[in-house]
Amino acid sequence: MKNITKSERFFTEEERKKIKETTKDVEAHTIGEVAVMVVDSSAEYFHAEIIGGIILGSFISLIITVLYFHASVWSYIPLSFLFFFPSWFLFKKLPSLKITFMSVKRKEEAVRLRAVRAFYEKGLHQTRKNTGVLFFISLLERKVWVLADKGIYEKIQQQTLNKFAASVSRGIKEGRACDALCESIQEAGELLARYFPITPGDIDELTDEVMSE
């Protein structure tokens, strides 16, 4: 039986339906193509697992050494090695523990790179007029990235897309992720309709379903 990921559970079926309908409504007035993707995390952050394992393992070893081995360094060192492995495994299995050892810059860069990768993996760069827009949500980092194809950037700057990302991020923190996302999609749709209005023969080139990984 397939394990359901956090990204697949993030929006309820009803919320996914609302997002899909909002996307379809927006695309009815523009040649722009809007896509939404949610992932559990944007990177493995192996370094954070290692650092966390070392610190937790060392702390446990220190307590045991003080309580049972008279603070002997000869007991502390082998115990540190011994407890590193279960501590590392704990950080690996519980990704939320890694947050403490992840810098803001590292998280932002990881989310940006993962969003770019998703943009190409999901074919947003292949629309006929280069008008794909991706709303990318990475749960572990609690970050949102919005990026677009080169056709969009001729009229709409990244700073504007960043405002949409900030609105969605704020909505997630407030517990209204679906509503915030739909509002931002509608606002983006208004700009898309202004600069890239619908034309005869336009077709829906990308899925309107929320994509998860």
C-alpha atoms as a PDB file:
ATOM      1  CA  MET A   1       0.000   0.000   0.000  1.00  0.00           C
ATOM      2  CA  LYS A   2       1.378   3.404  -1.023  1.00  0.00           C
ATOM      3  CA  ASN A   3       2.297   5.783   1.780  1.00  0.00           C
ATOM      4  CA  ILE A   4       0.545   9.124   1.479  1.00  0.00           C
ATOM      5  CA  THR A   5       3.035  11.972   1.717  1.00  0.00           C
ATOM      6  CA  LYS A   6       2.525  15.192   3.662  1.00  0.00           C
ATOM      7  CA  SER A   7       2.321  17.095   0.400  1.00  0.00           C
ATOM      8  CA  GLU A   8      -0.570  14.903  -0.723  1.00  0.00           C
ATOM      9  CA  ARG A   9      -2.393  15.538   2.573  1.00  0.00           C
ATOM     10  CA  PHE A  10      -1.646  19.255   2.728  1.00  0.00           C
ATOM     11  CA  PHE A  11      -4.812  20.217   0.880  1.00  0.00           C
ATOM     12  CA  THR A  12      -8.096  18.372   1.393  1.00  0.00           C
ATOM     13  CA  GLU A  13      -9.984  17.002  -1.595  1.00  0.00           C
ATOM     14  CA  GLU A  14     -12.412  19.904  -1.331  1.00  0.00           C
ATOM     15  CA  GLU A  15      -9.544  22.407  -1.253  1.00  0.00           C
ATOM     16  CA  ARG A  16      -7.872  20.746  -4.223  1.00  0.00           C
ATOM     17  CA  LYS A  17     -11.130  21.052  -6.129  1.00  0.00           C
ATOM     18  CA  LYS A  18     -11.368  24.742  -5.259  1.00  0.00           C
ATOM     19  CA  ILE A  19      -7.785  25.369  -6.414  1.00  0.00           C
ATOM     20  CA  LYS A  20      -8.447  23.502  -9.654  1.00  0.00           C
ATOM     21  CA  GLU A  21     -11.609  25.502 -10.343  1.00  0.00           C
ATOM     22  CA  THR A  22      -9.802  28.769  -9.563  1.00  0.00           C
ATOM     23  CA  THR A  23      -7.030  27.845 -11.974  1.00  0.00           C
ATOM     24  CA  LYS A  24      -9.505  26.956 -14.722  1.00  0.00           C
ATOM     25  CA  ASP A  25     -11.404  30.227 -14.207  1.00  0.00           C
ATOM     26  CA  VAL A  26      -8.177  32.220 -14.480  1.00  0.00           C
ATOM     27  CA  GLU A  27      -7.051  30.385 -17.607  1.00  0.00           C
ATOM     28  CA  ALA A  28     -10.381  31.077 -19.265  1.00  0.00           C
ATOM     29  CA  HIS A  29      -9.264  34.714 -19.666  1.00  0.00           C
ATOM     30  CA  THR A  30      -5.595  34.333 -20.565  1.00  0.00           C
ATOM     31  CA  ILE A  31      -3.181  32.297 -22.644  1.00  0.00           C
ATOM     32  CA  GLY A  32      -1.119  32.020 -19.459  1.00  0.00           C
ATOM     33  CA  GLU A  33      -0.843  28.568 -17.901  1.00  0.00           C
ATOM     34  CA  VAL A  34      -0.932  28.326 -14.094  1.00  0.00           C
ATOM     35  CA  ALA A  35       0.296  25.255 -12.212  1.00  0.00           C
ATOM     36  CA  VAL A  36       0.499  24.444  -8.486  1.00  0.00           C
ATOM     37  CA  MET A  37       2.934  22.014  -6.912  1.00  0.00           C
ATOM     38  CA  VAL A  38       3.463  20.961  -3.286  1.00  0.00           C
ATOM     39  CA  VAL A  39       6.466  18.939  -2.078  1.00  0.00           C
ATOM     40  CA  ASP A  40       7.461  17.611   1.341  1.00  0.00           C
ATOM     41  CA  SER A  41      10.897  19.251   1.143  1.00  0.00           C
ATOM     42  CA  SER A  42      13.204  20.719  -1.474  1.00  0.00           C
ATOM     43  CA  ALA A  43      16.378  18.861  -0.445  1.00  0.00           C
ATOM     44  CA  GLU A  44      17.621  16.057   1.797  1.00  0.00           C
ATOM     45  CA  TYR A  45      19.807  18.385   3.909  1.00  0.00           C
ATOM     46  CA  PHE A  46      22.241  15.585   4.715  1.00  0.00           C
ATOM     47  CA  HIS A  47      24.585  18.023   6.467  1.00  0.00           C
ATOM     48  CA  ALA A  48      21.793  18.946   8.914  1.00  0.00           C
ATOM     49  CA  GLU A  49      21.233  15.263   9.705  1.00  0.00           C
ATOM     50  CA  ILE A  50      24.936  14.790  10.437  1.00  0.00           C
ATOM     51  CA  ILE A  51      25.248  17.908  12.592  1.00  0.00           C
ATOM     52  CA  GLY A  52      22.072  17.045  14.474  1.00  0.00           C
ATOM     53  CA  GLY A  53      23.264  13.481  15.008  1.00  0.00           C
ATOM     54  CA  ILE A  54      26.609  14.638  16.343  1.00  0.00           C
ATOM     55  CA  ILE A  55      25.128  17.195  18.730  1.00  0.00           C
ATOM     56  CA  LEU A  56      22.354  14.965  20.065  1.00  0.00           C
ATOM     57  CA  GLY A  57      24.627  11.921  20.322  1.00  0.00           C
ATOM     58  CA  SER A  58      27.262  13.959  22.154  1.00  0.00           C
ATOM     59  CA  PHE A  59      24.695  15.411  24.547  1.00  0.00           C
ATOM     60  CA  ILE A  60      23.277  11.985  25.442  1.00  0.00           C
ATOM     61  CA  SER A  61      26.811  10.637  25.873  1.00  0.00           C
ATOM     62  CA  LEU A  62      27.711  13.534  28.161  1.00  0.00           C
ATOM     63  CA  ILE A  63      24.746  12.895  30.432  1.00  0.00           C
ATOM     64  CA  ILE A  64      25.450   9.162  30.650  1.00  0.00           C
ATOM     65  CA  THR A  65      29.144   9.761  31.250  1.00  0.00           C
ATOM     66  CA  VAL A  66      28.478  12.219  34.076  1.00  0.00           C
ATOM     67  CA  LEU A  67      25.852  10.001  35.719  1.00  0.00           C
ATOM     68  CA  TYR A  68      27.523   6.603  35.405  1.00  0.00           C
ATOM     69  CA  PHE A  69      31.204   6.997  34.469  1.00  0.00           C
ATOM     70  CA  HIS A  70      32.401   9.841  36.704  1.00  0.00           C
ATOM     71  CA  ALA A  71      32.739  12.233  33.725  1.00  0.00           C
ATOM     72  CA  SER A  72      35.519  10.118  32.246  1.00  0.00           C
ATOM     73  CA  VAL A  73      36.562  11.329  28.785  1.00  0.00           C
ATOM     74  CA  TRP A  74      37.536   7.729  27.940  1.00  0.00           C
ATOM     75  CA  SER A  75      33.903   6.750  28.323  1.00  0.00           C
ATOM     76  CA  TYR A  76      32.528   9.884  26.672  1.00  0.00           C
ATOM     77  CA  ILE A  77      34.367   9.472  23.357  1.00  0.00           C
ATOM     78  CA  PRO A  78      33.245   5.893  22.508  1.00  0.00           C
ATOM     79  CA  LEU A  79      29.722   6.644  23.746  1.00  0.00           C
ATOM     80  CA  SER A  80      29.584   9.649  21.419  1.00  0.00           C
ATOM     81  CA  PHE A  81      30.380   7.412  18.468  1.00  0.00           C
ATOM     82  CA  LEU A  82      27.864   4.844  19.671  1.00  0.00           C
ATOM     83  CA  PHE A  83      24.989   7.283  20.092  1.00  0.00           C
ATOM     84  CA  PHE A  84      25.719   9.199  16.901  1.00  0.00           C
ATOM     85  CA  PHE A  85      24.103   6.534  14.710  1.00  0.00           C
ATOM     86  CA  PRO A  86      20.688   6.313  16.412  1.00  0.00           C
ATOM     87  CA  SER A  87      20.681  10.116  16.760  1.00  0.00           C
ATOM     88  CA  TRP A  88      21.446  10.555  13.056  1.00  0.00           C
ATOM     89  CA  PHE A  89      18.730   8.034  12.194  1.00  0.00           C
ATOM     90  CA  LEU A  90      16.246  10.016  14.308  1.00  0.00           C
ATOM     91  CA  PHE A  91      17.015  13.222  12.386  1.00  0.00           C
ATOM     92  CA  LYS A  92      16.736  11.343   9.113  1.00  0.00           C
ATOM     93  CA  LYS A  93      13.304   9.926   9.960  1.00  0.00           C
ATOM     94  CA  LEU A  94      11.945  13.149  11.483  1.00  0.00           C
ATOM     95  CA  PRO A  95      12.827  15.888   8.970  1.00  0.00           C
ATOM     96  CA  SER A  96      11.264  18.619  11.099  1.00  0.00           C
ATOM     97  CA  LEU A  97      14.159  18.192  13.567  1.00  0.00           C
ATOM     98  CA  LYS A  98      16.596  19.302  10.876  1.00  0.00           C
ATOM     99  CA  ILE A  99      15.147  22.815  10.689  1.00  0.00           C
ATOM    100  CA  THR A 100      17.338  24.011  13.579  1.00  0.00           C
ATOM    101  CA  PHE A 101      20.493  23.212  11.612  1.00  0.00           C
ATOM    102  CA  MET A 102      19.401  24.734   8.296  1.00  0.00           C
ATOM    103  CA  SER A 103      20.317  28.346   7.544  1.00  0.00           C
ATOM    104  CA  VAL A 104      17.755  30.682   6.009  1.00  0.00           C
ATOM    105  CA  LYS A 105      19.989  31.179   2.971  1.00  0.00           C
ATOM    106  CA  ARG A 106      20.413  27.436   2.457  1.00  0.00           C
ATOM    107  CA  LYS A 107      16.641  26.839   2.650  1.00  0.00           C
ATOM    108  CA  GLU A 108      15.844  29.659   0.240  1.00  0.00           C
ATOM    109  CA  GLU A 109      18.390  28.435  -2.290  1.00  0.00           C
ATOM    110  CA  ALA A 110      17.180  24.833  -2.007  1.00  0.00           C
ATOM    111  CA  VAL A 111      13.552  25.849  -2.575  1.00  0.00           C
ATOM    112  CA  ARG A 112      14.481  28.061  -5.523  1.00  0.00           C
ATOM    113  CA  LEU A 113      16.479  25.307  -7.196  1.00  0.00           C
ATOM    114  CA  ARG A 114      13.777  22.698  -6.550  1.00  0.00           C
ATOM    115  CA  ALA A 115      11.143  25.026  -8.006  1.00  0.00           C
ATOM    116  CA  VAL A 116      13.232  25.541 -11.134  1.00  0.00           C
ATOM    117  CA  ARG A 117      13.683  21.794 -11.452  1.00  0.00           C
ATOM    118  CA  ALA A 118       9.938  21.228 -11.095  1.00  0.00           C
ATOM    119  CA  PHE A 119       9.299  23.913 -13.713  1.00  0.00           C
ATOM    120  CA  TYR A 120      11.193  21.877 -16.282  1.00  0.00           C
ATOM    121  CA  GLU A 121      10.193  18.422 -15.063  1.00  0.00           C
ATOM    122  CA  LYS A 122       6.500  19.274 -15.305  1.00  0.00           C
ATOM    123  CA  GLY A 123       6.855  20.851 -18.745  1.00  0.00           C
ATOM    124  CA  LEU A 124       5.972  24.436 -17.870  1.00  0.00           C
ATOM    125  CA  HIS A 125       8.712  25.575 -20.260  1.00  0.00           C
ATOM    126  CA  GLN A 126       6.997  23.851 -23.183  1.00  0.00           C
ATOM    127  CA  THR A 127       3.872  26.004 -23.524  1.00  0.00           C
ATOM    128  CA  ARG A 128       3.446  27.452 -27.022  1.00  0.00           C
ATOM    129  CA  LYS A 129       3.773  31.086 -25.965  1.00  0.00           C
ATOM    130  CA  ASN A 130       6.174  30.492 -23.044  1.00  0.00           C
ATOM    131  CA  THR A 131       3.530  31.646 -20.571  1.00  0.00           C
ATOM    132  CA  GLY A 132       3.748  29.054 -17.789  1.00  0.00           C
ATOM    133  CA  VAL A 133       3.543  30.190 -14.140  1.00  0.00           C
ATOM    134  CA  LEU A 134       4.325  27.845 -11.246  1.00  0.00           C
ATOM    135  CA  PHE A 135       3.192  28.268  -7.644  1.00  0.00           C
ATOM    136  CA  PHE A 136       5.629  26.032  -5.727  1.00  0.00           C
ATOM    137  CA  ILE A 137       5.129  25.186  -2.036  1.00  0.00           C
ATOM    138  CA  SER A 138       7.826  23.377  -0.025  1.00  0.00           C
ATOM    139  CA  LEU A 139       6.458  22.233   3.324  1.00  0.00           C
ATOM    140  CA  LEU A 140       9.566  21.454   5.389  1.00  0.00           C
ATOM    141  CA  GLU A 141      11.076  24.858   4.725  1.00  0.00           C
ATOM    142  CA  ARG A 142       7.669  26.567   4.940  1.00  0.00           C
ATOM    143  CA  LYS A 143       8.517  28.525   1.828  1.00  0.00           C
ATOM    144  CA  VAL A 144       6.699  29.421  -1.373  1.00  0.00           C
ATOM    145  CA  TRP A 145       8.276  30.255  -4.705  1.00  0.00           C
ATOM    146  CA  VAL A 146       6.506  31.591  -7.777  1.00  0.00           C
ATOM    147  CA  LEU A 147       8.328  31.570 -11.086  1.00  0.00           C
ATOM    148  CA  ALA A 148       7.396  32.008 -14.720  1.00  0.00           C
ATOM    149  CA  ASP A 149       8.571  31.332 -18.243  1.00  0.00           C
ATOM    150  CA  LYS A 150      10.386  33.906 -20.377  1.00  0.00           C
ATOM    151  CA  GLY A 151       7.191  35.061 -22.093  1.00  0.00           C
ATOM    152  CA  ILE A 152       5.761  36.196 -18.754  1.00  0.00           C
ATOM    153  CA  TYR A 153       8.942  38.023 -17.736  1.00  0.00           C
ATOM    154  CA  GLU A 154       8.606  40.290 -20.761  1.00  0.00           C
ATOM    155  CA  LYS A 155       5.694  41.971 -18.941  1.00  0.00           C
ATOM    156  CA  ILE A 156       5.742  40.870 -15.297  1.00  0.00           C
ATOM    157  CA  GLN A 157       8.818  41.132 -13.066  1.00  0.00           C
ATOM    158  CA  GLN A 158       9.970  38.571 -10.508  1.00  0.00           C
ATOM    159  CA  GLN A 159       9.368  41.114  -7.735  1.00  0.00           C
ATOM    160  CA  THR A 160       5.662  40.964  -8.531  1.00  0.00           C
ATOM    161  CA  LEU A 161       5.687  37.170  -8.456  1.00  0.00           C
ATOM    162  CA  ASN A 162       7.534  37.330  -5.121  1.00  0.00           C
ATOM    163  CA  LYS A 163       4.610  39.322  -3.693  1.00  0.00           C
ATOM    164  CA  PHE A 164       2.250  36.502  -4.654  1.00  0.00           C
ATOM    165  CA  ALA A 165       4.603  34.022  -2.978  1.00  0.00           C
ATOM    166  CA  ALA A 166       4.692  36.136   0.188  1.00  0.00           C
ATOM    167  CA  SER A 167       0.887  36.280   0.289  1.00  0.00           C
ATOM    168  CA  VAL A 168       0.599  32.499   0.007  1.00  0.00           C
ATOM    169  CA  SER A 169       3.313  31.995   2.630  1.00  0.00           C
ATOM    170  CA  ARG A 170       1.510  34.351   5.010  1.00  0.00           C
ATOM    171  CA  GLY A 171      -1.753  32.502   4.404  1.00  0.00           C
ATOM    172  CA  ILE A 172      -0.117  29.174   5.256  1.00  0.00           C
ATOM    173  CA  LYS A 173       1.155  30.581   8.554  1.00  0.00           C
ATOM    174  CA  GLU A 174      -2.339  31.874   9.318  1.00  0.00           C
ATOM    175  CA  GLY A 175      -3.915  28.491   8.614  1.00  0.00           C
ATOM    176  CA  ARG A 176      -5.679  29.585   5.424  1.00  0.00           C
ATOM    177  CA  ALA A 177      -3.391  28.100   2.802  1.00  0.00           C
ATOM    178  CA  CYS A 178      -6.087  27.247   0.266  1.00  0.00           C
ATOM    179  CA  ASP A 179      -7.804  30.644   0.379  1.00  0.00           C
ATOM    180  CA  ALA A 180      -4.486  32.516   0.201  1.00  0.00           C
ATOM    181  CA  LEU A 181      -3.337  30.430  -2.744  1.00  0.00           C
ATOM    182  CA  CYS A 182      -6.604  30.924  -4.621  1.00  0.00           C
ATOM    183  CA  GLU A 183      -6.504  34.673  -3.978  1.00  0.00           C
ATOM    184  CA  SER A 184      -2.952  34.896  -5.306  1.00  0.00           C
ATOM    185  CA  ILE A 185      -3.829  32.812  -8.370  1.00  0.00           C
ATOM    186  CA  GLN A 186      -6.748  35.166  -9.065  1.00  0.00           C
ATOM    187  CA  GLU A 187      -4.530  38.249  -8.659  1.00  0.00           C
ATOM    188  CA  ALA A 188      -1.913  36.714 -10.933  1.00  0.00           C
ATOM    189  CA  GLY A 189      -4.696  35.842 -13.360  1.00  0.00           C
ATOM    190  CA  GLU A 190      -5.777  39.481 -13.562  1.00  0.00           C
ATOM    191  CA  LEU A 191      -2.272  40.487 -14.614  1.00  0.00           C
ATOM    192  CA  LEU A 192      -2.033  37.613 -17.066  1.00  0.00           C
ATOM    193  CA  ALA A 193      -5.375  38.542 -18.606  1.00  0.00           C
ATOM    194  CA  ARG A 194      -4.190  42.143 -19.008  1.00  0.00           C
ATOM    195  CA  TYR A 195      -0.890  41.331 -20.675  1.00  0.00           C
ATOM    196  CA  PHE A 196      -1.681  37.926 -22.189  1.00  0.00           C
ATOM    197  CA  PRO A 197      -5.413  37.871 -23.024  1.00  0.00           C
ATOM    198  CA  ILE A 198      -7.123  34.759 -24.313  1.00  0.00           C
ATOM    199  CA  THR A 199      -6.893  34.174 -28.064  1.00  0.00           C
ATOM    200  CA  PRO A 200      -9.011  32.018 -30.391  1.00  0.00           C
ATOM    201  CA  GLY A 201      -7.881  28.420 -30.457  1.00  0.00           C
ATOM    202  CA  ASP A 202      -6.116  28.578 -27.097  1.00  0.00           C
ATOM    203  CA  ILE A 203      -5.959  25.188 -25.359  1.00  0.00           C
ATOM    204  CA  ASP A 204      -5.237  24.079 -21.800  1.00  0.00           C
ATOM    205  CA  GLU A 205      -1.654  22.824 -22.022  1.00  0.00           C
ATOM    206  CA  LEU A 206      -0.981  21.981 -18.371  1.00  0.00           C
ATOM    207  CA  THR A 207      -2.845  20.104 -15.683  1.00  0.00           C
ATOM    208  CA  ASP A 208      -5.083  22.161 -13.378  1.00  0.00           C
ATOM    209  CA  GLU A 209      -4.750  19.574 -10.603  1.00  0.00           C
ATOM    210  CA  VAL A 210      -2.508  20.289  -7.611  1.00  0.00           C
ATOM    211  CA  MET A 211       0.695  18.319  -8.208  1.00  0.00           C
ATOM    212  CA  SER A 212       2.374  16.617  -5.235  1.00  0.00           C
ATOM    213  CA  GLU A 213       5.613  14.751  -4.628  1.00  0.00           C
END
